Protein backbone atom coordinates (compact mmCIF):
# COMPACT_ATOMS: atom_id res chain seq x y z
CA UNK A 1 -25.48 -5.29 21.07
CA UNK A 2 -24.27 -8.49 18.24
CA UNK A 3 -22.89 -7.24 15.45
CA UNK A 4 -23.09 -7.85 12.04
CA UNK A 5 -21.45 -10.90 10.74
CA UNK A 6 -19.29 -7.79 8.08
CA UNK A 7 -18.20 -5.60 10.71
CA UNK A 8 -17.46 -8.48 13.39
CA UNK A 9 -14.87 -9.58 9.63
CA UNK A 10 -14.17 -5.43 9.55
CA UNK A 11 -13.13 -5.73 13.35
CA UNK A 12 -10.65 -8.58 12.70
CA UNK A 13 -9.32 -7.24 10.12
CA UNK A 14 -8.77 -3.81 11.95
CA UNK A 15 -6.96 -6.60 15.13
CA UNK A 16 -4.83 -8.78 12.40
CA UNK A 17 -3.15 -4.74 10.75
CA UNK A 18 -2.42 -3.99 14.35
CA UNK A 19 -0.46 -6.16 14.83
CA UNK A 20 1.17 -6.55 11.96
CA UNK A 21 2.78 -3.10 13.02
CA UNK A 22 1.97 -3.50 16.24
CA UNK A 23 4.07 -6.65 17.29
CA UNK A 24 5.21 -8.23 13.91
CA UNK A 25 3.65 -11.21 11.60
CA UNK A 26 5.04 -13.48 14.49
CA UNK A 27 2.48 -13.20 16.78
CA UNK A 28 0.01 -12.74 14.66
CA UNK A 29 -1.51 -15.79 15.71
CA UNK A 30 -6.21 -16.36 16.19
CA UNK A 31 -5.33 -16.10 19.77
CA UNK A 32 -3.72 -12.07 19.63
CA UNK A 33 -6.49 -11.44 17.39
CA UNK A 34 -9.42 -12.64 19.15
CA UNK A 35 -8.17 -10.63 22.14
CA UNK A 36 -7.57 -7.79 21.15
CA UNK A 37 -11.54 -7.64 20.27
CA UNK A 38 -12.26 -9.50 23.06
CA UNK A 39 -14.25 -13.16 20.88
CA UNK A 40 -13.02 -16.56 21.03
CA UNK A 41 -11.12 -18.42 18.59
CA UNK A 42 -14.41 -20.02 17.05
CA UNK A 43 -15.83 -16.70 16.47
CA UNK A 44 -12.34 -16.07 14.04
CA UNK A 45 -13.42 -19.67 12.35
CA UNK A 46 -16.62 -18.84 11.93
CA UNK A 47 -15.47 -15.29 9.52
CA UNK A 48 -12.50 -17.53 8.24
CA UNK A 49 -10.63 -20.70 7.32
CA UNK A 50 -7.01 -19.75 8.68
CA UNK A 51 -5.30 -16.73 9.31
CA UNK A 52 -3.67 -17.56 5.28
CA UNK A 53 -7.55 -17.31 4.49
CA UNK A 54 -7.80 -13.44 7.10
CA UNK A 55 -4.66 -12.50 4.97
CA UNK A 56 -5.30 -13.41 1.17
CA UNK A 57 -9.01 -11.02 2.26
CA UNK A 58 -6.98 -8.92 3.50
CA UNK A 59 -4.70 -8.51 0.44
CA UNK A 60 -8.62 -7.91 -1.44
CA UNK A 61 -9.07 -5.33 0.22
CA UNK A 62 -6.25 -3.84 0.15
CA UNK A 63 -6.28 -3.34 -3.27
CA UNK A 64 -9.05 -3.56 -4.07
CA UNK A 65 -9.70 0.91 -5.42
CA UNK A 66 -8.61 -0.24 -8.68
CA UNK A 67 -5.07 1.78 -9.97
CA UNK A 68 -7.44 4.53 -11.13
CA UNK A 69 -5.24 6.69 -14.00
CA UNK A 70 -6.45 10.36 -13.71
CA UNK A 71 -6.54 12.17 -16.67
CA UNK A 72 -4.89 15.08 -17.95
CA UNK A 73 -0.72 16.85 -18.10
CA UNK A 74 1.73 13.79 -17.30
CA UNK A 75 2.89 15.39 -14.80
CA UNK A 76 -0.20 16.40 -12.90
CA UNK A 77 -1.36 11.92 -12.65
CA UNK A 78 2.27 11.59 -11.36
CA UNK A 79 1.50 13.85 -9.28
CA UNK A 80 -1.94 12.32 -7.97
CA UNK A 81 -0.70 8.72 -8.70
CA UNK A 82 1.86 9.84 -5.70
CA UNK A 83 -0.82 11.31 -3.59
CA UNK A 84 -2.96 8.65 -3.11
CA UNK A 85 -0.82 6.67 -1.79
CA UNK A 86 -0.09 9.03 0.83
CA UNK A 87 -3.06 10.12 1.49
CA UNK A 88 -4.45 6.03 2.14
CA UNK A 89 -1.16 5.15 4.66
CA UNK A 90 -1.70 8.75 6.64
CA UNK A 91 -4.93 7.47 6.94
CA UNK A 92 -4.70 4.58 8.29
CA UNK A 93 -0.07 4.48 9.59
CA UNK A 94 -0.31 0.59 9.95
CA UNK A 95 -1.17 -0.08 6.14
CA UNK A 96 1.90 0.36 5.72
CA UNK A 97 3.92 -2.12 8.52
CA UNK A 98 1.84 -3.94 6.33
CA UNK A 99 3.09 -3.24 2.99
CA UNK A 100 5.92 -3.44 3.51
CA UNK A 101 6.79 -6.19 6.14
CA UNK A 102 9.03 -8.60 3.86
CA UNK A 103 7.93 -11.86 6.80
CA UNK A 104 4.14 -11.28 6.15
CA UNK A 105 5.47 -11.76 2.39
CA UNK A 106 7.87 -14.83 2.85
CA UNK A 107 4.73 -16.39 5.22
CA UNK A 108 1.94 -15.94 3.23
CA UNK A 109 2.72 -16.19 -0.61
CA UNK A 110 -0.74 -15.69 -1.57
CA UNK A 111 -0.33 -12.57 -0.59
CA UNK A 112 3.12 -12.66 -1.61
CA UNK A 113 1.74 -12.52 -5.93
CA UNK A 114 -1.58 -9.41 -4.66
CA UNK A 115 1.76 -7.16 -3.54
CA UNK A 116 3.62 -8.47 -6.87
CA UNK A 117 0.21 -8.35 -9.16
CA UNK A 118 -0.30 -5.03 -6.85
CA UNK A 119 3.08 -3.68 -7.64
CA UNK A 120 3.60 -4.76 -11.58
CA UNK A 121 0.48 -2.91 -11.77
CA UNK A 122 1.24 0.21 -10.16
CA UNK A 123 4.56 0.43 -12.21
CA UNK A 124 2.57 -0.64 -15.78
CA UNK A 125 0.28 2.84 -14.76
CA UNK A 126 3.42 5.01 -13.41
CA UNK A 127 5.54 4.10 -16.95
CA UNK A 128 2.71 4.18 -19.32
CA UNK A 129 2.09 7.51 -18.21
CA UNK A 130 5.10 8.68 -18.68
CA UNK A 131 5.38 7.65 -22.25
CA UNK A 132 2.52 8.80 -22.82
CA UNK A 133 3.37 12.71 -21.33
CA UNK A 134 7.11 11.60 -24.21
CA UNK A 135 3.48 10.98 -27.18
CA UNK A 136 2.32 15.29 -26.51
CA UNK A 137 5.61 16.11 -25.67
CA UNK A 138 5.54 16.98 -22.62
CA UNK A 139 8.19 14.45 -20.47
CA UNK A 140 11.66 14.51 -22.23
CA UNK A 141 11.52 11.29 -24.58
CA UNK A 142 15.86 10.78 -22.74
CA UNK A 143 14.00 9.57 -20.41
CA UNK A 144 13.25 5.21 -20.53
CA UNK A 145 9.67 4.67 -18.38
CA UNK A 146 10.61 2.09 -16.45
CA UNK A 147 13.45 3.54 -15.63
CA UNK A 148 10.69 6.66 -13.83
CA UNK A 149 8.17 4.48 -12.31
CA UNK A 150 10.87 2.67 -10.60
CA UNK A 151 12.64 5.65 -9.75
CA UNK A 152 9.18 6.77 -8.51
CA UNK A 153 8.18 3.72 -6.46
CA UNK A 154 11.58 3.79 -4.66
CA UNK A 155 11.20 7.70 -3.26
CA UNK A 156 7.71 6.95 -2.20
CA UNK A 157 8.63 2.95 -0.58
CA UNK A 158 11.73 4.90 0.87
CA UNK A 159 9.88 8.10 1.98
CA UNK A 160 7.34 5.65 3.66
CA UNK A 161 10.49 3.44 5.08
CA UNK A 162 11.40 6.55 6.80
CA UNK A 163 8.01 7.45 7.84
CA UNK A 164 7.48 5.03 9.73
CA UNK A 165 11.22 4.79 11.19
CA UNK A 166 10.49 9.02 12.85
CA UNK A 167 7.42 6.62 14.43
CA UNK A 168 5.09 8.95 12.19
CA UNK A 169 5.30 11.73 13.83
CA UNK A 170 5.10 14.29 10.54
CA UNK A 171 2.35 13.37 7.65
CA UNK A 172 3.53 12.17 5.36
CA UNK A 173 2.59 13.98 3.21
CA UNK A 174 5.24 17.09 3.78
CA UNK A 175 7.82 14.57 2.23
CA UNK A 176 5.84 13.99 -0.42
CA UNK A 177 7.34 17.77 -2.32
CA UNK A 178 11.08 17.05 -1.88
CA UNK A 179 10.50 13.64 -4.59
CA UNK A 180 7.93 14.97 -6.68
CA UNK A 181 9.82 17.86 -6.95
CA UNK A 182 13.28 15.88 -7.34
CA UNK A 183 10.99 13.01 -10.19
CA UNK A 184 9.72 16.29 -11.57
CA UNK A 185 13.22 17.82 -12.83
CA UNK A 186 14.29 14.14 -14.28
CA UNK A 187 11.06 14.78 -16.89
CA UNK A 188 11.64 18.38 -17.93
CA UNK A 189 11.42 17.79 -21.98
């Protein structure tokens, strides 16, 4: 049975993610992508004009879910933000290899720009949640919201990198409780 164009695009993008995770950006070639999914180079070029086009579409899809702010208690909001990130990596561990791949960001400037926009939006969201918690007197006013956002994102990044270095052998969510516990102690009013 012949696949639809949308299904073929998904196959191609999944192959891109897998190659990046398993072999690195230097092995990301149209021939390798086609070999993974059993299609020709020409078939790939029916859907994408270049590797950069593939990477731009992949990046758009990774970030198409807007960074949402759950409403309610600031600490619960921050936990929900981290949980959403952890769950996305647990569902597709190869995404962590894409998200934290400096070589990929160097090779594809459009991807770097998209990642930078997403990083800034997430940082701003976290700082806003902290400021709101401070206004409601739920979070100490001695805490710099921007510095906290940096610690939050850095803690998540290290947690994911260590998880990947360990071969994703345990649930990433196991590392979330100690990191969030430490971050929550910083927030105490």
